[in-house]
Amino acid sequence: MKLYYPYFNLFYKAGTTNYRLDVLVKLPGNVKKTAIEQNFVNDYWEVRIKLNEAKELDAFKEKVEEYKIDLTPKDVKQLTKIKIIVKNYDNLLRNGDPDGEGKTGLGNGELE
């Protein structure tokens, strides 16, 4: 699983519920953003930046991309914890099941 670690700042205006993330991510040259999804998961607000490989782009150069993401929670209290995930989904699908959800233990497991 290939993850990219972003640098980010959270911005909001006092007295409002308008929150925005400014995110900088250093990426390989051959990936492009396909979607940004956000939702509340368990006890944190999750922002997912989904990437896919693009054959027409140069794989050997690195690039820095900036994203401005308006956060859209139903309740501002959901923003007490924020998790940002940046993943290359093509890489995951080629090398195994998404999010590490393999079938370990089925069939040829070890006995103790």
PDB file of N, CA and C in Angstrom:
ATOM      1  N   MET A   1       0.849  -1.169   0.000  1.00  0.00           N
ATOM      2  CA  MET A   1       0.000   0.000   0.000  1.00  0.00           C
ATOM      3  C   MET A   1       0.898   1.236   0.000  1.00  0.00           C
ATOM      4  N   LYS A   2       0.689   2.121  -0.924  1.00  0.00           N
ATOM      5  CA  LYS A   2       1.481   3.334  -1.029  1.00  0.00           C
ATOM      6  C   LYS A   2       0.673   4.504  -0.501  1.00  0.00           C
ATOM      7  N   LEU A   3       1.158   5.114   0.575  1.00  0.00           N
ATOM      8  CA  LEU A   3       0.511   6.289   1.145  1.00  0.00           C
ATOM      9  C   LEU A   3       1.430   7.490   0.969  1.00  0.00           C
ATOM     10  N   TYR A   4       0.848   8.654   0.819  1.00  0.00           N
ATOM     11  CA  TYR A   4       1.607   9.895   0.701  1.00  0.00           C
ATOM     12  C   TYR A   4       1.203  10.783   1.865  1.00  0.00           C
ATOM     13  N   TYR A   5       2.178  11.327   2.569  1.00  0.00           N
ATOM     14  CA  TYR A   5       1.889  12.082   3.776  1.00  0.00           C
ATOM     15  C   TYR A   5       1.816  13.574   3.457  1.00  0.00           C
ATOM     16  N   PRO A   6       0.653  14.170   3.664  1.00  0.00           N
ATOM     17  CA  PRO A   6       0.469  15.574   3.304  1.00  0.00           C
ATOM     18  C   PRO A   6       0.861  16.522   4.431  1.00  0.00           C
ATOM     19  N   TYR A   7       1.119  17.765   4.061  1.00  0.00           N
ATOM     20  CA  TYR A   7       1.269  18.863   5.005  1.00  0.00           C
ATOM     21  C   TYR A   7      -0.021  19.659   4.891  1.00  0.00           C
ATOM     22  N   PHE A   8      -0.646  20.001   6.007  1.00  0.00           N
ATOM     23  CA  PHE A   8      -1.935  20.677   5.900  1.00  0.00           C
ATOM     24  C   PHE A   8      -2.140  21.678   7.026  1.00  0.00           C
ATOM     25  N   ASN A   9      -3.023  22.641   6.767  1.00  0.00           N
ATOM     26  CA  ASN A   9      -3.464  23.626   7.746  1.00  0.00           C
ATOM     27  C   ASN A   9      -4.979  23.663   7.731  1.00  0.00           C
ATOM     28  N   LEU A  10      -5.575  23.838   8.894  1.00  0.00           N
ATOM     29  CA  LEU A  10      -7.018  23.976   9.018  1.00  0.00           C
ATOM     30  C   LEU A  10      -7.332  25.448   9.219  1.00  0.00           C
ATOM     31  N   PHE A  11      -8.225  25.986   8.395  1.00  0.00           N
ATOM     32  CA  PHE A  11      -8.610  27.385   8.484  1.00  0.00           C
ATOM     33  C   PHE A  11     -10.104  27.490   8.772  1.00  0.00           C
ATOM     34  N   TYR A  12     -10.479  28.454   9.610  1.00  0.00           N
ATOM     35  CA  TYR A  12     -11.890  28.752   9.816  1.00  0.00           C
ATOM     36  C   TYR A  12     -12.016  30.183  10.302  1.00  0.00           C
ATOM     37  N   LYS A  13     -13.158  30.774  10.020  1.00  0.00           N
ATOM     38  CA  LYS A  13     -13.439  32.133  10.466  1.00  0.00           C
ATOM     39  C   LYS A  13     -14.180  32.055  11.794  1.00  0.00           C
ATOM     40  N   ALA A  14     -13.771  32.878  12.740  1.00  0.00           N
ATOM     41  CA  ALA A  14     -14.399  32.865  14.056  1.00  0.00           C
ATOM     42  C   ALA A  14     -15.888  33.194  13.930  1.00  0.00           C
ATOM     43  N   GLY A  15     -16.708  32.441  14.648  1.00  0.00           N
ATOM     44  CA  GLY A  15     -18.138  32.696  14.644  1.00  0.00           C
ATOM     45  C   GLY A  15     -18.893  32.056  13.497  1.00  0.00           C
ATOM     46  N   THR A  16     -18.203  31.295  12.635  1.00  0.00           N
ATOM     47  CA  THR A  16     -18.883  30.633  11.526  1.00  0.00           C
ATOM     48  C   THR A  16     -18.637  29.132  11.607  1.00  0.00           C
ATOM     49  N   THR A  17     -19.267  28.401  10.712  1.00  0.00           N
ATOM     50  CA  THR A  17     -19.034  26.961  10.626  1.00  0.00           C
ATOM     51  C   THR A  17     -18.351  26.605   9.313  1.00  0.00           C
ATOM     52  N   ASN A  18     -17.711  27.578   8.678  1.00  0.00           N
ATOM     53  CA  ASN A  18     -16.997  27.336   7.418  1.00  0.00           C
ATOM     54  C   ASN A  18     -15.558  26.943   7.724  1.00  0.00           C
ATOM     55  N   TYR A  19     -15.255  25.667   7.537  1.00  0.00           N
ATOM     56  CA  TYR A  19     -13.913  25.146   7.777  1.00  0.00           C
ATOM     57  C   TYR A  19     -13.297  24.712   6.460  1.00  0.00           C
ATOM     58  N   ARG A  20     -11.998  24.945   6.318  1.00  0.00           N
ATOM     59  CA  ARG A  20     -11.305  24.602   5.084  1.00  0.00           C
ATOM     60  C   ARG A  20      -9.934  24.035   5.405  1.00  0.00           C
ATOM     61  N   LEU A  21      -9.556  22.988   4.685  1.00  0.00           N
ATOM     62  CA  LEU A  21      -8.212  22.431   4.775  1.00  0.00           C
ATOM     63  C   LEU A  21      -7.426  22.874   3.554  1.00  0.00           C
ATOM     64  N   ASP A  22      -6.238  23.370   3.780  1.00  0.00           N
ATOM     65  CA  ASP A  22      -5.282  23.612   2.693  1.00  0.00           C
ATOM     66  C   ASP A  22      -4.233  22.521   2.807  1.00  0.00           C
ATOM     67  N   VAL A  23      -4.100  21.715   1.758  1.00  0.00           N
ATOM     68  CA  VAL A  23      -3.253  20.529   1.806  1.00  0.00           C
ATOM     69  C   VAL A  23      -2.193  20.598   0.717  1.00  0.00           C
ATOM     70  N   LEU A  24      -0.950  20.344   1.082  1.00  0.00           N
ATOM     71  CA  LEU A  24       0.152  20.178   0.132  1.00  0.00           C
ATOM     72  C   LEU A  24       0.595  18.725   0.185  1.00  0.00           C
ATOM     73  N   VAL A  25       0.694  18.089  -0.986  1.00  0.00           N
ATOM     74  CA  VAL A  25       1.096  16.688  -1.043  1.00  0.00           C
ATOM     75  C   VAL A  25       2.193  16.531  -2.089  1.00  0.00           C
ATOM     76  N   LYS A  26       3.287  15.875  -1.706  1.00  0.00           N
ATOM     77  CA  LYS A  26       4.365  15.561  -2.640  1.00  0.00           C
ATOM     78  C   LYS A  26       4.066  14.199  -3.245  1.00  0.00           C
ATOM     79  N   LEU A  27       3.947  14.148  -4.572  1.00  0.00           N
ATOM     80  CA  LEU A  27       3.511  12.941  -5.275  1.00  0.00           C
ATOM     81  C   LEU A  27       4.497  12.565  -6.369  1.00  0.00           C
ATOM     82  N   PRO A  28       4.505  11.291  -6.762  1.00  0.00           N
ATOM     83  CA  PRO A  28       5.242  10.915  -7.971  1.00  0.00           C
ATOM     84  C   PRO A  28       4.592  11.568  -9.186  1.00  0.00           C
ATOM     85  N   GLY A  29       5.347  11.739 -10.239  1.00  0.00           N
ATOM     86  CA  GLY A  29       4.845  12.431 -11.422  1.00  0.00           C
ATOM     87  C   GLY A  29       3.786  11.681 -12.198  1.00  0.00           C
ATOM     88  N   ASN A  30       3.629  10.383 -11.960  1.00  0.00           N
ATOM     89  CA  ASN A  30       2.707   9.612 -12.792  1.00  0.00           C
ATOM     90  C   ASN A  30       1.341   9.378 -12.140  1.00  0.00           C
ATOM     91  N   VAL A  31       0.992  10.103 -11.083  1.00  0.00           N
ATOM     92  CA  VAL A  31      -0.334   9.951 -10.490  1.00  0.00           C
ATOM     93  C   VAL A  31      -1.126  11.240 -10.623  1.00  0.00           C
ATOM     94  N   LYS A  32      -2.455  11.085 -10.665  1.00  0.00           N
ATOM     95  CA  LYS A  32      -3.339  12.252 -10.715  1.00  0.00           C
ATOM     96  C   LYS A  32      -4.512  12.022  -9.778  1.00  0.00           C
ATOM     97  N   LYS A  33      -5.052  13.110  -9.278  1.00  0.00           N
ATOM     98  CA  LYS A  33      -6.187  13.043  -8.359  1.00  0.00           C
ATOM     99  C   LYS A  33      -7.436  12.679  -9.138  1.00  0.00           C
ATOM    100  N   THR A  34      -8.188  11.710  -8.620  1.00  0.00           N
ATOM    101  CA  THR A  34      -9.449  11.343  -9.250  1.00  0.00           C
ATOM    102  C   THR A  34     -10.648  11.782  -8.424  1.00  0.00           C
ATOM    103  N   ALA A  35     -10.500  11.857  -7.100  1.00  0.00           N
ATOM    104  CA  ALA A  35     -11.626  12.256  -6.256  1.00  0.00           C
ATOM    105  C   ALA A  35     -11.132  12.665  -4.878  1.00  0.00           C
ATOM    106  N   ILE A  36     -11.934  13.504  -4.233  1.00  0.00           N
ATOM    107  CA  ILE A  36     -11.733  13.830  -2.821  1.00  0.00           C
ATOM    108  C   ILE A  36     -13.050  13.527  -2.129  1.00  0.00           C
ATOM    109  N   GLU A  37     -13.012  12.590  -1.176  1.00  0.00           N
ATOM    110  CA  GLU A  37     -14.210  12.199  -0.446  1.00  0.00           C
ATOM    111  C   GLU A  37     -14.017  12.524   1.022  1.00  0.00           C
ATOM    112  N   GLN A  38     -15.105  12.860   1.687  1.00  0.00           N
ATOM    113  CA  GLN A  38     -15.040  13.134   3.118  1.00  0.00           C
ATOM    114  C   GLN A  38     -16.316  12.658   3.790  1.00  0.00           C
ATOM    115  N   ASN A  39     -16.143  12.096   4.992  1.00  0.00           N
ATOM    116  CA  ASN A  39     -17.280  11.669   5.795  1.00  0.00           C
ATOM    117  C   ASN A  39     -16.830  11.420   7.228  1.00  0.00           C
ATOM    118  N   PHE A  40     -17.802  11.209   8.104  1.00  0.00           N
ATOM    119  CA  PHE A  40     -17.532  10.962   9.514  1.00  0.00           C
ATOM    120  C   PHE A  40     -17.444   9.459   9.736  1.00  0.00           C
ATOM    121  N   VAL A  41     -16.304   8.991  10.255  1.00  0.00           N
ATOM    122  CA  VAL A  41     -16.067   7.565  10.495  1.00  0.00           C
ATOM    123  C   VAL A  41     -15.725   7.384  11.965  1.00  0.00           C
ATOM    124  N   ASN A  42     -16.545   6.596  12.672  1.00  0.00           N
ATOM    125  CA  ASN A  42     -16.351   6.318  14.104  1.00  0.00           C
ATOM    126  C   ASN A  42     -16.260   7.612  14.908  1.00  0.00           C
ATOM    127  N   ASP A  43     -15.062   8.057  15.237  1.00  0.00           N
ATOM    128  CA  ASP A  43     -14.927   9.265  16.054  1.00  0.00           C
ATOM    129  C   ASP A  43     -14.057  10.336  15.392  1.00  0.00           C
ATOM    130  N   TYR A  44     -13.870  10.280  14.076  1.00  0.00           N
ATOM    131  CA  TYR A  44     -13.059  11.283  13.399  1.00  0.00           C
ATOM    132  C   TYR A  44     -13.653  11.618  12.025  1.00  0.00           C
ATOM    133  N   TRP A  45     -13.290  12.795  11.540  1.00  0.00           N
ATOM    134  CA  TRP A  45     -13.678  13.240  10.207  1.00  0.00           C
ATOM    135  C   TRP A  45     -12.590  12.781   9.238  1.00  0.00           C
ATOM    136  N   GLU A  46     -12.967  12.003   8.240  1.00  0.00           N
ATOM    137  CA  GLU A  46     -11.993  11.429   7.308  1.00  0.00           C
ATOM    138  C   GLU A  46     -12.071  12.142   5.962  1.00  0.00           C
ATOM    139  N   VAL A  47     -10.910  12.592   5.492  1.00  0.00           N
ATOM    140  CA  VAL A  47     -10.787  13.200   4.167  1.00  0.00           C
ATOM    141  C   VAL A  47      -9.880  12.284   3.361  1.00  0.00           C
ATOM    142  N   ARG A  48     -10.382  11.761   2.254  1.00  0.00           N
ATOM    143  CA  ARG A  48      -9.652  10.813   1.405  1.00  0.00           C
ATOM    144  C   ARG A  48      -9.364  11.460   0.054  1.00  0.00           C
ATOM    145  N   ILE A  49      -8.078  11.567  -0.289  1.00  0.00           N
ATOM    146  CA  ILE A  49      -7.677  12.049  -1.614  1.00  0.00           C
ATOM    147  C   ILE A  49      -7.283  10.814  -2.413  1.00  0.00           C
ATOM    148  N   LYS A  50      -8.096  10.496  -3.413  1.00  0.00           N
ATOM    149  CA  LYS A  50      -7.882   9.278  -4.205  1.00  0.00           C
ATOM    150  C   LYS A  50      -7.068   9.603  -5.448  1.00  0.00           C
ATOM    151  N   LEU A  51      -6.052   8.774  -5.684  1.00  0.00           N
ATOM    152  CA  LEU A  51      -5.149   8.955  -6.818  1.00  0.00           C
ATOM    153  C   LEU A  51      -5.209   7.738  -7.724  1.00  0.00           C
ATOM    154  N   ASN A  52      -4.954   7.950  -8.997  1.00  0.00           N
ATOM    155  CA  ASN A  52      -4.791   6.866  -9.965  1.00  0.00           C
ATOM    156  C   ASN A  52      -3.565   7.159 -10.810  1.00  0.00           C
ATOM    157  N   GLU A  53      -2.971   6.099 -11.337  1.00  0.00           N
ATOM    158  CA  GLU A  53      -1.803   6.265 -12.189  1.00  0.00           C
ATOM    159  C   GLU A  53      -2.223   6.704 -13.581  1.00  0.00           C
ATOM    160  N   ALA A  54      -1.423   7.577 -14.166  1.00  0.00           N
ATOM    161  CA  ALA A  54      -1.677   8.049 -15.524  1.00  0.00           C
ATOM    162  C   ALA A  54      -0.458   7.716 -16.367  1.00  0.00           C
ATOM    163  N   LYS A  55      -0.644   6.871 -17.359  1.00  0.00           N
ATOM    164  CA  LYS A  55       0.479   6.408 -18.187  1.00  0.00           C
ATOM    165  C   LYS A  55       1.131   7.547 -18.976  1.00  0.00           C
ATOM    166  N   GLU A  56       0.353   8.579 -19.280  1.00  0.00           N
ATOM    167  CA  GLU A  56       0.898   9.663 -20.090  1.00  0.00           C
ATOM    168  C   GLU A  56       1.787  10.620 -19.290  1.00  0.00           C
ATOM    169  N   LEU A  57       1.783  10.510 -17.967  1.00  0.00           N
ATOM    170  CA  LEU A  57       2.597  11.394 -17.142  1.00  0.00           C
ATOM    171  C   LEU A  57       3.944  10.741 -16.845  1.00  0.00           C
ATOM    172  N   ASP A  58       4.945  11.569 -16.517  1.00  0.00           N
ATOM    173  CA  ASP A  58       6.308  11.106 -16.268  1.00  0.00           C
ATOM    174  C   ASP A  58       6.422  10.488 -14.874  1.00  0.00           C
ATOM    175  N   ALA A  59       6.824   9.234 -14.807  1.00  0.00           N
ATOM    176  CA  ALA A  59       6.880   8.502 -13.542  1.00  0.00           C
ATOM    177  C   ALA A  59       8.090   8.887 -12.702  1.00  0.00           C
ATOM    178  N   PHE A  60       9.115   9.467 -13.285  1.00  0.00           N
ATOM    179  CA  PHE A  60      10.354   9.700 -12.555  1.00  0.00           C
ATOM    180  C   PHE A  60      10.419  11.069 -11.888  1.00  0.00           C
ATOM    181  N   LYS A  61       9.553  11.974 -12.267  1.00  0.00           N
ATOM    182  CA  LYS A  61       9.570  13.304 -11.666  1.00  0.00           C
ATOM    183  C   LYS A  61       8.571  13.357 -10.517  1.00  0.00           C
ATOM    184  N   GLU A  62       8.924  14.124  -9.496  1.00  0.00           N
ATOM    185  CA  GLU A  62       7.998  14.346  -8.395  1.00  0.00           C
ATOM    186  C   GLU A  62       7.331  15.698  -8.581  1.00  0.00           C
ATOM    187  N   LYS A  63       6.136  15.818  -8.013  1.00  0.00           N
ATOM    188  CA  LYS A  63       5.423  17.089  -8.094  1.00  0.00           C
ATOM    189  C   LYS A  63       4.763  17.357  -6.751  1.00  0.00           C
ATOM    190  N   VAL A  64       4.495  18.628  -6.497  1.00  0.00           N
ATOM    191  CA  VAL A  64       3.786  19.033  -5.288  1.00  0.00           C
ATOM    192  C   VAL A  64       2.462  19.631  -5.729  1.00  0.00           C
ATOM    193  N   GLU A  65       1.373  19.084  -5.180  1.00  0.00           N
ATOM    194  CA  GLU A  65       0.049  19.579  -5.528  1.00  0.00           C
ATOM    195  C   GLU A  65      -0.613  20.176  -4.304  1.00  0.00           C
ATOM    196  N   GLU A  66      -1.397  21.224  -4.539  1.00  0.00           N
ATOM    197  CA  GLU A  66      -2.105  21.906  -3.464  1.00  0.00           C
ATOM    198  C   GLU A  66      -3.604  21.723  -3.665  1.00  0.00           C
ATOM    199  N   TYR A  67      -4.296  21.399  -2.584  1.00  0.00           N
ATOM    200  CA  TYR A  67      -5.748  21.229  -2.622  1.00  0.00           C
ATOM    201  C   TYR A  67      -6.368  22.100  -1.538  1.00  0.00           C
ATOM    202  N   LYS A  68      -7.450  22.785  -1.888  1.00  0.00           N
ATOM    203  CA  LYS A  68      -8.247  23.538  -0.922  1.00  0.00           C
ATOM    204  C   LYS A  68      -9.558  22.781  -0.775  1.00  0.00           C
ATOM    205  N   ILE A  69      -9.791  22.230   0.414  1.00  0.00           N
ATOM    206  CA  ILE A  69     -10.932  21.351   0.641  1.00  0.00           C
ATOM    207  C   ILE A  69     -11.868  21.998   1.655  1.00  0.00           C
ATOM    208  N   ASP A  70     -13.076  22.334   1.226  1.00  0.00           N
ATOM    209  CA  ASP A  70     -14.094  22.844   2.143  1.00  0.00           C
ATOM    210  C   ASP A  70     -14.703  21.667   2.882  1.00  0.00           C
ATOM    211  N   LEU A  71     -14.616  21.688   4.209  1.00  0.00           N
ATOM    212  CA  LEU A  71     -15.142  20.599   5.016  1.00  0.00           C
ATOM    213  C   LEU A  71     -16.650  20.778   5.202  1.00  0.00           C
ATOM    214  N   THR A  72     -17.390  19.684   5.110  1.00  0.00           N
ATOM    215  CA  THR A  72     -18.854  19.758   5.109  1.00  0.00           C
ATOM    216  C   THR A  72     -19.497  18.856   6.162  1.00  0.00           C
ATOM    217  N   PRO A  73     -19.149  19.024   7.450  1.00  0.00           N
ATOM    218  CA  PRO A  73     -19.790  18.183   8.461  1.00  0.00           C
ATOM    219  C   PRO A  73     -21.203  18.673   8.778  1.00  0.00           C
ATOM    220  N   LYS A  74     -22.047  17.741   9.264  1.00  0.00           N
ATOM    221  CA  LYS A  74     -23.385  18.130   9.712  1.00  0.00           C
ATOM    222  C   LYS A  74     -23.298  18.862  11.045  1.00  0.00           C
ATOM    223  N   ASP A  75     -22.312  18.478  11.859  1.00  0.00           N
ATOM    224  CA  ASP A  75     -22.097  19.091  13.167  1.00  0.00           C
ATOM    225  C   ASP A  75     -20.613  19.429  13.286  1.00  0.00           C
ATOM    226  N   VAL A  76     -20.305  20.645  13.690  1.00  0.00           N
ATOM    227  CA  VAL A  76     -18.911  21.095  13.777  1.00  0.00           C
ATOM    228  C   VAL A  76     -18.127  20.267  14.797  1.00  0.00           C
ATOM    229  N   LYS A  77     -18.795  19.665  15.764  1.00  0.00           N
ATOM    230  CA  LYS A  77     -18.115  18.839  16.767  1.00  0.00           C
ATOM    231  C   LYS A  77     -17.476  17.601  16.139  1.00  0.00           C
ATOM    232  N   GLN A  78     -17.898  17.229  14.945  1.00  0.00           N
ATOM    233  CA  GLN A  78     -17.289  16.089  14.251  1.00  0.00           C
ATOM    234  C   GLN A  78     -15.856  16.394  13.821  1.00  0.00           C
ATOM    235  N   LEU A  79     -15.460  17.648  13.823  1.00  0.00           N
ATOM    236  CA  LEU A  79     -14.121  18.042  13.371  1.00  0.00           C
ATOM    237  C   LEU A  79     -13.084  18.075  14.491  1.00  0.00           C
ATOM    238  N   THR A  80     -13.391  17.493  15.656  1.00  0.00           N
ATOM    239  CA  THR A  80     -12.392  17.497  16.725  1.00  0.00           C
ATOM    240  C   THR A  80     -11.181  16.649  16.356  1.00  0.00           C
ATOM    241  N   LYS A  81     -11.388  15.596  15.567  1.00  0.00           N
ATOM    242  CA  LYS A  81     -10.286  14.781  15.042  1.00  0.00           C
ATOM    243  C   LYS A  81     -10.461  14.694  13.534  1.00  0.00           C
ATOM    244  N   ILE A  82      -9.392  14.972  12.804  1.00  0.00           N
ATOM    245  CA  ILE A  82      -9.431  14.907  11.344  1.00  0.00           C
ATOM    246  C   ILE A  82      -8.321  13.969  10.879  1.00  0.00           C
ATOM    247  N   LYS A  83      -8.669  13.062   9.985  1.00  0.00           N
ATOM    248  CA  LYS A  83      -7.704  12.120   9.423  1.00  0.00           C
ATOM    249  C   LYS A  83      -7.666  12.347   7.917  1.00  0.00           C
ATOM    250  N   ILE A  84      -6.471  12.517   7.370  1.00  0.00           N
ATOM    251  CA  ILE A  84      -6.314  12.711   5.930  1.00  0.00           C
ATOM    252  C   ILE A  84      -5.592  11.490   5.367  1.00  0.00           C
ATOM    253  N   ILE A  85      -6.180  10.889   4.343  1.00  0.00           N
ATOM    254  CA  ILE A  85      -5.598   9.711   3.698  1.00  0.00           C
ATOM    255  C   ILE A  85      -5.384  10.037   2.229  1.00  0.00           C
ATOM    256  N   VAL A  86      -4.155   9.846   1.761  1.00  0.00           N
ATOM    257  CA  VAL A  86      -3.824  10.056   0.353  1.00  0.00           C
ATOM    258  C   VAL A  86      -3.315   8.720  -0.168  1.00  0.00           C
ATOM    259  N   LYS A  87      -4.063   8.093  -1.101  1.00  0.00           N
ATOM    260  CA  LYS A  87      -3.713   6.753  -1.573  1.00  0.00           C
ATOM    261  C   LYS A  87      -3.730   6.673  -3.086  1.00  0.00           C
ATOM    262  N   ASN A  88      -2.822   5.856  -3.597  1.00  0.00           N
ATOM    263  CA  ASN A  88      -2.826   5.488  -5.007  1.00  0.00           C
ATOM    264  C   ASN A  88      -3.644   4.209  -5.127  1.00  0.00           C
ATOM    265  N   TYR A  89      -4.873   4.313  -5.582  1.00  0.00           N
ATOM    266  CA  TYR A  89      -5.761   3.157  -5.627  1.00  0.00           C
ATOM    267  C   TYR A  89      -5.388   2.165  -6.718  1.00  0.00           C
ATOM    268  N   ASP A  90      -4.758   2.587  -7.789  1.00  0.00           N
ATOM    269  CA  ASP A  90      -4.283   1.647  -8.802  1.00  0.00           C
ATOM    270  C   ASP A  90      -3.227   0.725  -8.208  1.00  0.00           C
ATOM    271  N   ASN A  91      -2.316   1.279  -7.443  1.00  0.00           N
ATOM    272  CA  ASN A  91      -1.264   0.502  -6.807  1.00  0.00           C
ATOM    273  C   ASN A  91      -1.854  -0.539  -5.870  1.00  0.00           C
ATOM    274  N   LEU A  92      -2.873  -0.173  -5.095  1.00  0.00           N
ATOM    275  CA  LEU A  92      -3.489  -1.110  -4.164  1.00  0.00           C
ATOM    276  C   LEU A  92      -4.179  -2.244  -4.905  1.00  0.00           C
ATOM    277  N   LEU A  93      -4.908  -1.928  -5.942  1.00  0.00           N
ATOM    278  CA  LEU A  93      -5.664  -2.951  -6.645  1.00  0.00           C
ATOM    279  C   LEU A  93      -4.740  -3.911  -7.382  1.00  0.00           C
ATOM    280  N   ARG A  94      -3.603  -3.427  -7.832  1.00  0.00           N
ATOM    281  CA  ARG A  94      -2.675  -4.289  -8.549  1.00  0.00           C
ATOM    282  C   ARG A  94      -1.941  -5.228  -7.589  1.00  0.00           C
ATOM    283  N   ASN A  95      -1.680  -4.772  -6.364  1.00  0.00           N
ATOM    284  CA  ASN A  95      -0.876  -5.551  -5.426  1.00  0.00           C
ATOM    285  C   ASN A  95      -1.689  -6.264  -4.354  1.00  0.00           C
ATOM    286  N   GLY A  96      -2.993  -6.281  -4.442  1.00  0.00           N
ATOM    287  CA  GLY A  96      -3.786  -6.967  -3.424  1.00  0.00           C
ATOM    288  C   GLY A  96      -5.131  -6.310  -3.247  1.00  0.00           C
ATOM    289  N   ASP A  97      -5.832  -6.737  -2.244  1.00  0.00           N
ATOM    290  CA  ASP A  97      -7.162  -6.205  -1.972  1.00  0.00           C
ATOM    291  C   ASP A  97      -7.065  -4.799  -1.396  1.00  0.00           C
ATOM    292  N   PRO A  98      -8.043  -3.934  -1.678  1.00  0.00           N
ATOM    293  CA  PRO A  98      -8.021  -2.563  -1.152  1.00  0.00           C
ATOM    294  C   PRO A  98      -8.033  -2.549   0.375  1.00  0.00           C
ATOM    295  N   ASP A  99      -7.323  -1.603   0.949  1.00  0.00           N
ATOM    296  CA  ASP A  99      -7.266  -1.375   2.388  1.00  0.00           C
ATOM    297  C   ASP A  99      -6.781  -2.593   3.163  1.00  0.00           C
ATOM    298  N   GLY A 100      -6.040  -3.485   2.527  1.00  0.00           N
ATOM    299  CA  GLY A 100      -5.473  -4.637   3.210  1.00  0.00           C
ATOM    300  C   GLY A 100      -6.492  -5.676   3.643  1.00  0.00           C
ATOM    301  N   GLU A 101      -7.643  -5.687   3.015  1.00  0.00           N
ATOM    302  CA  GLU A 101      -8.678  -6.637   3.410  1.00  0.00           C
ATOM    303  C   GLU A 101      -8.491  -7.958   2.674  1.00  0.00           C
ATOM    304  N   GLY A 102      -7.418  -8.663   3.014  1.00  0.00           N
ATOM    305  CA  GLY A 102      -7.131  -9.931   2.365  1.00  0.00           C
ATOM    306  C   GLY A 102      -7.930 -11.057   2.980  1.00  0.00           C
ATOM    307  N   LYS A 103      -7.697 -12.265   2.485  1.00  0.00           N
ATOM    308  CA  LYS A 103      -8.412 -13.441   2.979  1.00  0.00           C
ATOM    309  C   LYS A 103      -7.486 -14.302   3.822  1.00  0.00           C
ATOM    310  N   THR A 104      -6.710 -13.678   4.682  1.00  0.00           N
ATOM    311  CA  THR A 104      -5.765 -14.388   5.523  1.00  0.00           C
ATOM    312  C   THR A 104      -6.494 -15.339   6.458  1.00  0.00           C
ATOM    313  N   GLY A 105      -5.982 -16.539   6.589  1.00  0.00           N
ATOM    314  CA  GLY A 105      -6.565 -17.503   7.499  1.00  0.00           C
ATOM    315  C   GLY A 105      -7.581 -18.426   6.843  1.00  0.00           C
ATOM    316  N   LEU A 106      -7.955 -18.179   5.607  1.00  0.00           N
ATOM    317  CA  LEU A 106      -8.881 -19.067   4.931  1.00  0.00           C
ATOM    318  C   LEU A 106      -8.089 -20.112   4.164  1.00  0.00           C
ATOM    319  N   GLY A 107      -8.456 -21.372   4.314  1.00  0.00           N
ATOM    320  CA  GLY A 107      -7.795 -22.410   3.534  1.00  0.00           C
ATOM    321  C   GLY A 107      -6.540 -22.941   4.169  1.00  0.00           C
ATOM    322  N   ASN A 108      -5.386 -22.435   3.774  1.00  0.00           N
ATOM    323  CA  ASN A 108      -4.096 -23.007   4.167  1.00  0.00           C
ATOM    324  C   ASN A 108      -3.516 -22.347   5.416  1.00  0.00           C
ATOM    325  N   GLY A 109      -4.306 -22.176   6.458  1.00  0.00           N
ATOM    326  CA  GLY A 109      -3.804 -21.579   7.692  1.00  0.00           C
ATOM    327  C   GLY A 109      -2.931 -22.544   8.471  1.00  0.00           C
ATOM    328  N   GLU A 110      -2.192 -22.038   9.455  1.00  0.00           N
ATOM    329  CA  GLU A 110      -1.329 -22.884  10.269  1.00  0.00           C
ATOM    330  C   GLU A 110      -2.071 -23.355  11.490  1.00  0.00           C
ATOM    331  N   LEU A 111      -1.766 -24.569  11.943  1.00  0.00           N
ATOM    332  CA  LEU A 111      -2.345 -25.116  13.167  1.00  0.00           C
ATOM    333  C   LEU A 111      -1.344 -25.004  14.290  1.00  0.00           C
ATOM    334  N   GLU A 112      -1.829 -24.746  15.503  1.00  0.00           N
ATOM    335  CA  GLU A 112      -0.938 -24.664  16.663  1.00  0.00           C
ATOM    336  C   GLU A 112      -0.950 -25.952  17.427  1.00  0.00           C
TER     337      GLU A 112
END
